[in-house]
């Protein structure tokens, strides 16, 4: 179990606070227009690479922050796909 960087922890904690805000907004408004699934997918991929790095080179407790953040972004991405169809229909003036 290696030592971890406080800066890496602070970086990941900032994101760990930010994603729930985005998730809460999606749940509250059910509006996801303007969010980018490509962006969220790339963020998830970045966290996966961070997890791989931790597993291979620097196995420490910080890995769980990467897993937590990847989970949060995955939830936000799932909400995007849940609401985007309805959002597009509403933009076109067609109600459910």
Protein backbone atom coordinates (compact mmCIF):
# COMPACT_ATOMS: atom_id res chain seq x y z
CA UNK A 1 0.00 0.00 0.00
CA UNK A 2 1.75 3.15 -1.21
CA UNK A 3 1.54 6.66 0.10
CA UNK A 4 -0.86 8.95 -1.66
CA UNK A 5 -0.73 12.56 -2.75
CA UNK A 6 -2.94 15.00 -0.86
CA UNK A 7 -3.20 17.00 -4.11
CA UNK A 8 -4.61 14.02 -5.95
CA UNK A 9 -7.11 13.48 -3.15
CA UNK A 10 -8.18 17.15 -3.19
CA UNK A 11 -8.54 17.06 -6.98
CA UNK A 12 -10.77 13.99 -6.82
CA UNK A 13 -12.79 15.39 -3.90
CA UNK A 14 -13.57 18.55 -5.88
CA UNK A 15 -15.04 16.39 -8.63
CA UNK A 16 -16.78 14.19 -6.06
CA UNK A 17 -18.65 17.29 -4.89
CA UNK A 18 -19.36 18.61 -8.40
CA UNK A 19 -20.97 15.53 -9.97
CA UNK A 20 -23.74 15.14 -7.38
CA UNK A 21 -24.75 18.74 -8.12
CA UNK A 22 -25.12 17.85 -11.79
CA UNK A 23 -27.02 14.67 -10.93
CA UNK A 24 -29.37 16.51 -8.57
CA UNK A 25 -30.13 19.11 -11.25
CA UNK A 26 -30.93 16.39 -13.78
CA UNK A 27 -33.21 14.62 -11.31
CA UNK A 28 -34.94 17.85 -10.24
CA UNK A 29 -35.49 19.37 -13.69
CA UNK A 30 -35.38 16.25 -15.88
CA UNK A 31 -33.63 18.46 -18.45
CA UNK A 32 -30.35 17.22 -19.92
CA UNK A 33 -30.20 19.29 -23.10
CA UNK A 34 -26.77 20.87 -23.19
CA UNK A 35 -25.00 17.97 -21.50
CA UNK A 36 -22.54 16.05 -23.63
CA UNK A 37 -22.57 12.26 -23.47
CA UNK A 38 -19.21 12.25 -25.30
CA UNK A 39 -17.70 14.49 -22.61
CA UNK A 40 -19.08 12.31 -19.82
CA UNK A 41 -17.83 9.17 -21.58
CA UNK A 42 -14.34 10.64 -21.84
CA UNK A 43 -14.40 11.58 -18.16
CA UNK A 44 -15.38 8.01 -17.25
CA UNK A 45 -12.55 6.73 -19.47
CA UNK A 46 -10.13 9.05 -17.67
CA UNK A 47 -11.23 7.67 -14.31
CA UNK A 48 -10.82 4.13 -15.63
CA UNK A 49 -7.25 4.99 -16.66
CA UNK A 50 -6.67 6.41 -13.16
CA UNK A 51 -7.96 3.16 -11.65
CA UNK A 52 -5.68 1.12 -13.91
CA UNK A 53 -2.70 3.28 -12.90
CA UNK A 54 -3.54 2.79 -9.24
CA UNK A 55 -3.84 -0.99 -9.67
CA UNK A 56 -0.58 -1.33 -11.58
CA UNK A 57 1.75 1.29 -10.11
CA UNK A 58 0.44 3.05 -7.04
CA UNK A 59 -2.03 0.85 -5.22
CA UNK A 60 -3.46 2.98 -2.41
CA UNK A 61 -6.79 3.99 -0.91
CA UNK A 62 -7.23 6.82 -3.44
CA UNK A 63 -8.38 4.21 -5.96
CA UNK A 64 -11.79 4.34 -4.24
CA UNK A 65 -12.13 8.04 -5.08
CA UNK A 66 -11.60 7.16 -8.75
CA UNK A 67 -14.22 4.40 -8.49
CA UNK A 68 -16.65 6.73 -6.68
CA UNK A 69 -16.22 9.50 -9.24
CA UNK A 70 -16.57 7.10 -12.18
CA UNK A 71 -19.79 5.83 -10.61
CA UNK A 72 -21.15 9.36 -10.22
CA UNK A 73 -20.42 10.24 -13.83
CA UNK A 74 -21.97 6.95 -14.95
CA UNK A 75 -25.14 7.86 -13.06
CA UNK A 76 -25.19 11.28 -14.73
CA UNK A 77 -24.68 9.63 -18.13
CA UNK A 78 -27.52 7.18 -17.44
CA UNK A 79 -29.79 10.11 -16.54
CA UNK A 80 -28.84 11.76 -19.82
CA UNK A 81 -30.02 8.75 -21.80
CA UNK A 82 -33.11 8.44 -19.61
CA UNK A 83 -34.28 12.02 -20.23
CA UNK A 84 -32.88 13.03 -23.62
CA UNK A 85 -35.67 11.50 -25.69
CA UNK A 86 -38.35 13.34 -23.76
CA UNK A 87 -36.34 16.56 -23.85
CA UNK A 88 -36.06 16.35 -27.65
CA UNK A 89 -39.79 15.64 -28.02
CA UNK A 90 -40.62 18.61 -25.81
CA UNK A 91 -38.33 20.84 -27.88
CA UNK A 92 -40.25 19.80 -30.97
CA UNK A 93 -43.54 20.57 -29.24
CA UNK A 94 -44.66 16.97 -28.88
CA UNK A 95 -45.81 16.02 -25.42
CA UNK A 96 -45.62 12.45 -24.06
